[in-house]
Amino acid sequence: MTHESKGAHYVLVFYPTVDRRAIDDIRRKYDPTVDLIAPHVTVLFPVPLRVGEDQLVAHIEAVLKGCAPFEVRFGGLQKSPDHWLLLTLGEGENTVRELYRSLYTGILAEFRRDDIEFVPHLGLGLFLKQGARYNSRDTQVSDLATEKYETALHEAKKLPVDPGSRIETLHLIELPPAVTQWLSGARLDFPHSETLTEVRQFHLGISTE
């Protein structure tokens, strides 16, 4: 376990307007983070606090300068390499991909993962066999709880059609160390008692000057 995996990290997300009841009916059964964070799409994955809050905020503001609000709509389902069931974007996918690429420049370039394809998504559940340790960077194929995943996939196919939503705000969030440790495989059980800290909101289409 590295020193950085022990500490708090920042992530940047947006919260689409979705059928929260239908989404969380599935998440309540399969997603350990359901009580930690609302249905969301991550555009900047965990980066350590050593990047500095002021520097990170300035970088995000520079990337978002001139970025207008955009429309998103979910329409697909996909399993990730680390055994999450993902609700993927149809409309807005290219916009979110470009935002992701723009964020991982400058002070964040060292954290870009060129070995993993970025798929804009909302997570519906994690499917690991009993006793398997989650590690977002090193998940074993044999750890997949296949039957449970297939059940969830069947349920997810019955989700209401997403009418779409307009994204106007991004949220910079601080993840507590225990959550970071779980994500890195340093902790076996998800820390259900932890809470997130919202650091800053960024409103698209509004100049910061």
Foldseek 3Di string as FASTA:
>chain_A
DDPQLQFKWKWKKFDFDWPQVLLVVLQVVFPLCVVADGFIWTLGPTDGCVLPPVNLVVLLLVLQVVPAKAKWFWDDWDAAPQAWIWGFIDGCFVVSQVSSVSSCDDSNVVVDDPPGDDTTTTTRHGAFDPPDQGEQVDHDPVRGPVVVVVVSVVSVVPGDGTPMGITFKMWMKMGGSQQSCSHHRVDRDRPSVDYIDTDDMDGHPDRPD
